[in-house]
PDB file of all heavy atoms in Angstrom:
ATOM      1  N   SER A   1     114.289 219.009  83.071  1.00  0.00           N
ATOM      2  CA  SER A   1     115.277 219.292  82.061  1.00  0.00           C
ATOM      3  C   SER A   1     115.697 220.769  81.988  1.00  0.00           C
ATOM      4  O   SER A   1     114.805 221.582  81.973  1.00  0.00           O
ATOM      5  CB  SER A   1     114.685 218.842  80.614  1.00  0.00           C
ATOM      6  OG  SER A   1     115.664 219.108  79.570  1.00  0.00           O
ATOM      7  N   GLY A   2     116.986 220.971  82.056  1.00  0.00           N
ATOM      8  CA  GLY A   2     117.463 222.422  81.913  1.00  0.00           C
ATOM      9  C   GLY A   2     117.713 222.911  83.338  1.00  0.00           C
ATOM     10  O   GLY A   2     118.456 224.030  83.345  1.00  0.00           O
ATOM     11  N   TYR A   3     117.214 222.349  84.365  1.00  0.00           N
ATOM     12  CA  TYR A   3     117.465 222.863  85.689  1.00  0.00           C
ATOM     13  C   TYR A   3     118.288 221.851  86.645  1.00  0.00           C
ATOM     14  O   TYR A   3     118.601 222.164  87.677  1.00  0.00           O
ATOM     15  CB  TYR A   3     116.127 223.186  86.375  1.00  0.00           C
ATOM     16  CG  TYR A   3     115.423 224.404  85.596  1.00  0.00           C
ATOM     17  CD1 TYR A   3     114.428 224.089  84.659  1.00  0.00           C
ATOM     18  CD2 TYR A   3     115.777 225.765  85.848  1.00  0.00           C
ATOM     19  CE1 TYR A   3     113.764 225.134  84.021  1.00  0.00           C
ATOM     20  CE2 TYR A   3     115.168 226.729  85.027  1.00  0.00           C
ATOM     21  CZ  TYR A   3     114.237 226.384  84.235  1.00  0.00           C
ATOM     22  OH  TYR A   3     113.544 227.512  83.583  1.00  0.00           O
ATOM     23  N   TYR A   4     118.255 220.598  86.118  1.00  0.00           N
ATOM     24  CA  TYR A   4     118.901 219.583  86.975  1.00  0.00           C
ATOM     25  C   TYR A   4     120.272 219.943  87.428  1.00  0.00           C
ATOM     26  O   TYR A   4     120.502 219.920  88.621  1.00  0.00           O
ATOM     27  CB  TYR A   4     118.931 218.281  86.097  1.00  0.00           C
ATOM     28  CG  TYR A   4     119.454 217.138  86.868  1.00  0.00           C
ATOM     29  CD1 TYR A   4     118.731 216.117  87.579  1.00  0.00           C
ATOM     30  CD2 TYR A   4     120.825 216.856  86.953  1.00  0.00           C
ATOM     31  CE1 TYR A   4     119.163 215.058  88.196  1.00  0.00           C
ATOM     32  CE2 TYR A   4     121.366 215.830  87.632  1.00  0.00           C
ATOM     33  CZ  TYR A   4     120.587 214.889  88.197  1.00  0.00           C
ATOM     34  OH  TYR A   4     121.109 213.785  88.883  1.00  0.00           O
ATOM     35  N   ASP A   5     121.138 220.365  86.570  1.00  0.00           N
ATOM     36  CA  ASP A   5     122.530 220.657  86.934  1.00  0.00           C
ATOM     37  C   ASP A   5     122.558 221.940  87.774  1.00  0.00           C
ATOM     38  O   ASP A   5     123.302 221.956  88.701  1.00  0.00           O
ATOM     39  CB  ASP A   5     123.374 220.858  85.733  1.00  0.00           C
ATOM     40  CG  ASP A   5     123.594 219.574  84.866  1.00  0.00           C
ATOM     41  OD1 ASP A   5     123.576 218.540  85.555  1.00  0.00           O
ATOM     42  OD2 ASP A   5     123.870 219.581  83.716  1.00  0.00           O
ATOM     43  N   ALA A   6     121.708 222.918  87.459  1.00  0.00           N
ATOM     44  CA  ALA A   6     121.788 224.059  88.297  1.00  0.00           C
ATOM     45  C   ALA A   6     121.224 224.018  89.705  1.00  0.00           C
ATOM     46  O   ALA A   6     121.684 224.713  90.567  1.00  0.00           O
ATOM     47  CB  ALA A   6     120.923 225.095  87.498  1.00  0.00           C
ATOM     48  N   TYR A   7     120.385 223.049  89.845  1.00  0.00           N
ATOM     49  CA  TYR A   7     119.763 222.908  91.261  1.00  0.00           C
ATOM     50  C   TYR A   7     120.177 221.657  91.950  1.00  0.00           C
ATOM     51  O   TYR A   7     120.977 221.691  92.846  1.00  0.00           O
ATOM     52  CB  TYR A   7     118.263 223.083  91.138  1.00  0.00           C
ATOM     53  CG  TYR A   7     117.793 224.456  90.753  1.00  0.00           C
ATOM     54  CD1 TYR A   7     117.304 224.752  89.478  1.00  0.00           C
ATOM     55  CD2 TYR A   7     117.938 225.520  91.677  1.00  0.00           C
ATOM     56  CE1 TYR A   7     116.900 226.030  89.140  1.00  0.00           C
ATOM     57  CE2 TYR A   7     117.462 226.780  91.325  1.00  0.00           C
ATOM     58  CZ  TYR A   7     117.063 227.047  90.068  1.00  0.00           C
ATOM     59  OH  TYR A   7     116.676 228.308  89.709  1.00  0.00           O
ATOM     60  N   TYR A   8     119.647 220.521  91.495  1.00  0.00           N
ATOM     61  CA  TYR A   8     119.930 219.243  92.154  1.00  0.00           C
ATOM     62  C   TYR A   8     121.322 218.936  92.051  1.00  0.00           C
ATOM     63  O   TYR A   8     121.966 218.479  93.040  1.00  0.00           O
ATOM     64  CB  TYR A   8     119.075 218.187  91.453  1.00  0.00           C
ATOM     65  CG  TYR A   8     119.200 216.804  92.157  1.00  0.00           C
ATOM     66  CD1 TYR A   8     118.620 216.586  93.291  1.00  0.00           C
ATOM     67  CD2 TYR A   8     120.009 215.807  91.528  1.00  0.00           C
ATOM     68  CE1 TYR A   8     118.872 215.265  93.982  1.00  0.00           C
ATOM     69  CE2 TYR A   8     120.109 214.559  92.121  1.00  0.00           C
ATOM     70  CZ  TYR A   8     119.503 214.254  93.337  1.00  0.00           C
ATOM     71  OH  TYR A   8     119.698 213.012  93.978  1.00  0.00           O
ATOM     72  N   GLY A   9     122.009 219.095  90.846  1.00  0.00           N
ATOM     73  CA  GLY A   9     123.429 218.866  90.670  1.00  0.00           C
ATOM     74  C   GLY A   9     124.318 219.646  91.615  1.00  0.00           C
ATOM     75  O   GLY A   9     125.174 219.104  92.345  1.00  0.00           O
ATOM     76  N   GLN A  10     123.978 220.879  91.743  1.00  0.00           N
ATOM     77  CA  GLN A  10     124.741 221.784  92.676  1.00  0.00           C
ATOM     78  C   GLN A  10     124.491 221.448  94.117  1.00  0.00           C
ATOM     79  O   GLN A  10     125.547 221.401  94.902  1.00  0.00           O
ATOM     80  CB  GLN A  10     124.250 223.180  92.435  1.00  0.00           C
ATOM     81  CG  GLN A  10     124.772 223.887  91.113  1.00  0.00           C
ATOM     82  CD  GLN A  10     126.371 223.852  91.012  1.00  0.00           C
ATOM     83  OE1 GLN A  10     126.999 223.118  90.359  1.00  0.00           O
ATOM     84  NE2 GLN A  10     126.882 224.920  91.775  1.00  0.00           N
ATOM     85  N   ALA A  11     123.349 221.028  94.439  1.00  0.00           N
ATOM     86  CA  ALA A  11     123.125 220.702  95.834  1.00  0.00           C
ATOM     87  C   ALA A  11     123.836 219.387  96.193  1.00  0.00           C
ATOM     88  O   ALA A  11     124.414 219.301  97.371  1.00  0.00           O
ATOM     89  CB  ALA A  11     121.586 220.286  96.060  1.00  0.00           C
ATOM     90  N   GLN A  12     124.096 218.539  95.274  1.00  0.00           N
ATOM     91  CA  GLN A  12     124.790 217.316  95.424  1.00  0.00           C
ATOM     92  C   GLN A  12     126.345 217.700  95.648  1.00  0.00           C
ATOM     93  O   GLN A  12     127.012 216.936  96.475  1.00  0.00           O
ATOM     94  CB  GLN A  12     124.651 216.171  94.425  1.00  0.00           C
ATOM     95  CG  GLN A  12     123.269 215.545  94.383  1.00  0.00           C
ATOM     96  CD  GLN A  12     123.005 214.685  95.517  1.00  0.00           C
ATOM     97  OE1 GLN A  12     123.700 214.575  96.557  1.00  0.00           O
ATOM     98  NE2 GLN A  12     121.997 213.784  95.479  1.00  0.00           N
ATOM     99  N   LYS A  13     126.757 218.621  94.939  1.00  0.00           N
ATOM    100  CA  LYS A  13     128.192 219.053  95.194  1.00  0.00           C
ATOM    101  C   LYS A  13     128.338 219.644  96.575  1.00  0.00           C
ATOM    102  O   LYS A  13     129.426 219.417  97.155  1.00  0.00           O
ATOM    103  CB  LYS A  13     128.487 220.048  94.068  1.00  0.00           C
ATOM    104  CG  LYS A  13     128.666 219.500  92.685  1.00  0.00           C
ATOM    105  CD  LYS A  13     128.927 220.545  91.634  1.00  0.00           C
ATOM    106  CE  LYS A  13     128.935 219.897  90.219  1.00  0.00           C
ATOM    107  NZ  LYS A  13     129.173 221.007  89.172  1.00  0.00           N
ATOM    108  N   VAL A  14     127.357 220.449  96.948  1.00  0.00           N
ATOM    109  CA  VAL A  14     127.441 221.034  98.364  1.00  0.00           C
ATOM    110  C   VAL A  14     127.408 219.774  99.427  1.00  0.00           C
ATOM    111  O   VAL A  14     128.114 219.887 100.395  1.00  0.00           O
ATOM    112  CB  VAL A  14     126.241 221.940  98.636  1.00  0.00           C
ATOM    113  CG1 VAL A  14     126.190 222.322 100.148  1.00  0.00           C
ATOM    114  CG2 VAL A  14     126.383 223.106  97.708  1.00  0.00           C
ATOM    115  N   ARG A  15     126.723 218.809  99.180  1.00  0.00           N
ATOM    116  CA  ARG A  15     126.609 217.600 100.074  1.00  0.00           C
ATOM    117  C   ARG A  15     127.965 217.030 100.142  1.00  0.00           C
ATOM    118  O   ARG A  15     128.355 216.664 101.241  1.00  0.00           O
ATOM    119  CB  ARG A  15     125.634 216.535  99.405  1.00  0.00           C
ATOM    120  CG  ARG A  15     125.424 215.454 100.415  1.00  0.00           C
ATOM    121  CD  ARG A  15     124.374 214.550  99.857  1.00  0.00           C
ATOM    122  NE  ARG A  15     123.891 213.520 100.871  1.00  0.00           N
ATOM    123  CZ  ARG A  15     122.954 212.687 100.737  1.00  0.00           C
ATOM    124  NH1 ARG A  15     122.199 212.698  99.647  1.00  0.00           N
ATOM    125  NH2 ARG A  15     122.602 211.891 101.673  1.00  0.00           N
ATOM    126  N   THR A  16     128.681 216.998  99.022  1.00  0.00           N
ATOM    127  CA  THR A  16     130.074 216.494  99.062  1.00  0.00           C
ATOM    128  C   THR A  16     130.963 217.308  99.819  1.00  0.00           C
ATOM    129  O   THR A  16     131.745 216.820 100.653  1.00  0.00           O
ATOM    130  CB  THR A  16     130.630 216.345  97.645  1.00  0.00           C
ATOM    131  OG1 THR A  16     129.764 215.430  96.807  1.00  0.00           O
ATOM    132  CG2 THR A  16     132.022 215.879  97.591  1.00  0.00           C
ATOM    133  N   LEU A  17     130.854 218.615  99.727  1.00  0.00           N
ATOM    134  CA  LEU A  17     131.638 219.563 100.554  1.00  0.00           C
ATOM    135  C   LEU A  17     131.322 219.450 102.084  1.00  0.00           C
ATOM    136  O   LEU A  17     132.262 219.433 102.903  1.00  0.00           O
ATOM    137  CB  LEU A  17     131.373 220.990 100.174  1.00  0.00           C
ATOM    138  CG  LEU A  17     131.842 221.377  98.701  1.00  0.00           C
ATOM    139  CD1 LEU A  17     131.469 222.856  98.390  1.00  0.00           C
ATOM    140  CD2 LEU A  17     133.313 221.219  98.527  1.00  0.00           C
ATOM    141  N   ILE A  18     130.072 219.263 102.400  1.00  0.00           N
ATOM    142  CA  ILE A  18     129.765 218.939 103.723  1.00  0.00           C
ATOM    143  C   ILE A  18     130.433 217.701 104.268  1.00  0.00           C
ATOM    144  O   ILE A  18     130.925 217.664 105.458  1.00  0.00           O
ATOM    145  CB  ILE A  18     128.216 218.931 103.962  1.00  0.00           C
ATOM    146  CG1 ILE A  18     127.552 220.388 103.731  1.00  0.00           C
ATOM    147  CG2 ILE A  18     127.813 218.401 105.294  1.00  0.00           C
ATOM    148  CD1 ILE A  18     126.096 220.361 103.582  1.00  0.00           C
ATOM    149  N   GLY A  19     130.433 216.740 103.429  1.00  0.00           N
ATOM    150  CA  GLY A  19     130.969 215.390 103.980  1.00  0.00           C
ATOM    151  C   GLY A  19     132.549 215.695 104.121  1.00  0.00           C
ATOM    152  O   GLY A  19     133.153 215.043 105.077  1.00  0.00           O
ATOM    153  N   ARG A  20     133.147 216.474 103.318  1.00  0.00           N
ATOM    154  CA  ARG A  20     134.508 216.655 103.468  1.00  0.00           C
ATOM    155  C   ARG A  20     134.816 217.483 104.732  1.00  0.00           C
ATOM    156  O   ARG A  20     135.795 217.221 105.390  1.00  0.00           O
ATOM    157  CB  ARG A  20     135.086 217.463 102.247  1.00  0.00           C
ATOM    158  CG  ARG A  20     135.187 216.533 101.012  1.00  0.00           C
ATOM    159  CD  ARG A  20     135.602 217.348  99.749  1.00  0.00           C
ATOM    160  NE  ARG A  20     135.564 216.621  98.516  1.00  0.00           N
ATOM    161  CZ  ARG A  20     135.774 217.113  97.309  1.00  0.00           C
ATOM    162  NH1 ARG A  20     135.973 218.380  97.238  1.00  0.00           N
ATOM    163  NH2 ARG A  20     135.804 216.310  96.255  1.00  0.00           N
ATOM    164  N   ASP A  21     133.974 218.461 105.020  1.00  0.00           N
ATOM    165  CA  ASP A  21     134.060 219.356 106.249  1.00  0.00           C
ATOM    166  C   ASP A  21     134.073 218.385 107.465  1.00  0.00           C
ATOM    167  O   ASP A  21     134.794 218.555 108.420  1.00  0.00           O
ATOM    168  CB  ASP A  21     133.062 220.315 106.282  1.00  0.00           C
ATOM    169  CG  ASP A  21     133.409 221.642 105.541  1.00  0.00           C
ATOM    170  OD1 ASP A  21     134.557 221.592 105.024  1.00  0.00           O
ATOM    171  OD2 ASP A  21     132.599 222.617 105.563  1.00  0.00           O
ATOM    172  N   VAL A  22     133.093 217.401 107.431  1.00  0.00           N
ATOM    173  CA  VAL A  22     132.898 216.547 108.561  1.00  0.00           C
ATOM    174  C   VAL A  22     134.025 215.645 108.697  1.00  0.00           C
ATOM    175  O   VAL A  22     134.522 215.377 109.845  1.00  0.00           O
ATOM    176  CB  VAL A  22     131.563 215.805 108.408  1.00  0.00           C
ATOM    177  CG1 VAL A  22     131.546 214.545 109.311  1.00  0.00           C
ATOM    178  CG2 VAL A  22     130.428 216.569 108.545  1.00  0.00           C
ATOM    179  N   ALA A  23     134.510 215.184 107.654  1.00  0.00           N
ATOM    180  CA  ALA A  23     135.731 214.209 107.722  1.00  0.00           C
ATOM    181  C   ALA A  23     136.942 214.937 108.314  1.00  0.00           C
ATOM    182  O   ALA A  23     137.671 214.400 109.121  1.00  0.00           O
ATOM    183  CB  ALA A  23     136.100 213.607 106.340  1.00  0.00           C
ATOM    184  N   ALA A  24     137.168 216.255 107.813  1.00  0.00           N
ATOM    185  CA  ALA A  24     138.255 217.041 108.343  1.00  0.00           C
ATOM    186  C   ALA A  24     138.105 217.172 109.884  1.00  0.00           C
ATOM    187  O   ALA A  24     139.101 217.252 110.566  1.00  0.00           O
ATOM    188  CB  ALA A  24     138.390 218.215 107.474  1.00  0.00           C
ATOM    189  N   ALA A  25     136.868 217.534 110.208  1.00  0.00           N
ATOM    190  CA  ALA A  25     136.657 217.880 111.685  1.00  0.00           C
ATOM    191  C   ALA A  25     136.934 216.645 112.635  1.00  0.00           C
ATOM    192  O   ALA A  25     137.531 216.730 113.614  1.00  0.00           O
ATOM    193  CB  ALA A  25     135.239 218.300 111.847  1.00  0.00           C
ATOM    194  N   PHE A  26     136.533 215.465 112.049  1.00  0.00           N
ATOM    195  CA  PHE A  26     136.666 214.275 112.774  1.00  0.00           C
ATOM    196  C   PHE A  26     138.168 213.852 112.855  1.00  0.00           C
ATOM    197  O   PHE A  26     138.565 212.848 113.600  1.00  0.00           O
ATOM    198  CB  PHE A  26     135.693 213.147 112.465  1.00  0.00           C
ATOM    199  CG  PHE A  26     134.442 213.324 112.860  1.00  0.00           C
ATOM    200  CD1 PHE A  26     133.317 213.186 111.967  1.00  0.00           C
ATOM    201  CD2 PHE A  26     134.099 213.736 114.162  1.00  0.00           C
ATOM    202  CE1 PHE A  26     132.054 213.364 112.370  1.00  0.00           C
ATOM    203  CE2 PHE A  26     132.797 213.927 114.543  1.00  0.00           C
ATOM    204  CZ  PHE A  26     131.716 213.710 113.748  1.00  0.00           C
ATOM    205  N   GLU A  27     139.084 214.489 112.168  1.00  0.00           N
ATOM    206  CA  GLU A  27     140.493 214.210 112.216  1.00  0.00           C
ATOM    207  C   GLU A  27     141.011 214.917 113.407  1.00  0.00           C
ATOM    208  O   GLU A  27     141.967 214.568 114.061  1.00  0.00           O
ATOM    209  CB  GLU A  27     141.253 214.595 110.943  1.00  0.00           C
ATOM    210  CG  GLU A  27     140.945 213.710 109.646  1.00  0.00           C
ATOM    211  CD  GLU A  27     141.673 214.266 108.506  1.00  0.00           C
ATOM    212  OE1 GLU A  27     142.463 215.223 108.578  1.00  0.00           O
ATOM    213  OE2 GLU A  27     141.605 213.493 107.427  1.00  0.00           O
ATOM    214  N   GLN A  28     140.270 216.022 113.829  1.00  0.00           N
ATOM    215  CA  GLN A  28     140.792 216.812 114.967  1.00  0.00           C
ATOM    216  C   GLN A  28     140.076 216.381 116.301  1.00  0.00           C
ATOM    217  O   GLN A  28     140.649 216.521 117.402  1.00  0.00           O
ATOM    218  CB  GLN A  28     140.334 218.274 114.663  1.00  0.00           C
ATOM    219  CG  GLN A  28     141.003 218.905 113.410  1.00  0.00           C
ATOM    220  CD  GLN A  28     140.496 220.190 113.142  1.00  0.00           C
ATOM    221  OE1 GLN A  28     140.494 221.139 114.000  1.00  0.00           O
ATOM    222  NE2 GLN A  28     139.840 220.323 111.976  1.00  0.00           N
ATOM    223  N   VAL A  29     138.770 215.903 116.233  1.00  0.00           N
ATOM    224  CA  VAL A  29     137.991 215.618 117.427  1.00  0.00           C
ATOM    225  C   VAL A  29     137.298 214.391 117.261  1.00  0.00           C
ATOM    226  O   VAL A  29     137.157 213.829 116.270  1.00  0.00           O
ATOM    227  CB  VAL A  29     136.946 216.806 117.660  1.00  0.00           C
ATOM    228  CG1 VAL A  29     137.645 218.125 117.973  1.00  0.00           C
ATOM    229  CG2 VAL A  29     136.083 216.987 116.535  1.00  0.00           C
ATOM    230  N   ASP A  30     136.713 213.887 118.431  1.00  0.00           N
ATOM    231  CA  ASP A  30     136.020 212.629 118.447  1.00  0.00           C
ATOM    232  C   ASP A  30     134.459 212.820 118.257  1.00  0.00           C
ATOM    233  O   ASP A  30     133.797 211.999 117.674  1.00  0.00           O
ATOM    234  CB  ASP A  30     136.137 211.944 119.933  1.00  0.00           C
ATOM    235  CG  ASP A  30     137.557 211.637 120.123  1.00  0.00           C
ATOM    236  OD1 ASP A  30     138.220 210.973 119.240  1.00  0.00           O
ATOM    237  OD2 ASP A  30     138.091 211.978 121.189  1.00  0.00           O
ATOM    238  N   VAL A  31     133.908 213.983 118.710  1.00  0.00           N
ATOM    239  CA  VAL A  31     132.531 214.364 118.397  1.00  0.00           C
ATOM    240  C   VAL A  31     132.443 215.758 118.193  1.00  0.00           C
ATOM    241  O   VAL A  31     133.263 216.583 118.516  1.00  0.00           O
ATOM    242  CB  VAL A  31     131.695 213.958 119.636  1.00  0.00           C
ATOM    243  CG1 VAL A  31     131.583 212.421 119.957  1.00  0.00           C
ATOM    244  CG2 VAL A  31     132.080 214.681 120.920  1.00  0.00           C
ATOM    245  N   LEU A  32     131.314 216.240 117.521  1.00  0.00           N
ATOM    246  CA  LEU A  32     130.991 217.558 117.228  1.00  0.00           C
ATOM    247  C   LEU A  32     129.653 217.891 118.008  1.00  0.00           C
ATOM    248  O   LEU A  32     128.863 217.119 118.052  1.00  0.00           O
ATOM    249  CB  LEU A  32     130.703 217.818 115.737  1.00  0.00           C
ATOM    250  CG  LEU A  32     131.911 217.551 114.787  1.00  0.00           C
ATOM    251  CD1 LEU A  32     131.503 217.676 113.332  1.00  0.00           C
ATOM    252  CD2 LEU A  32     133.095 218.571 115.080  1.00  0.00           C
TER     253      LEU A  32
END
């Protein structure tokens, strides 16, 4: 309590950004 949003919640937002980067990359190439 009190740290969930600052740590776990923020990490999940980064995970979303990584997924978006991957999706954008695969629009350009077949493999990384």
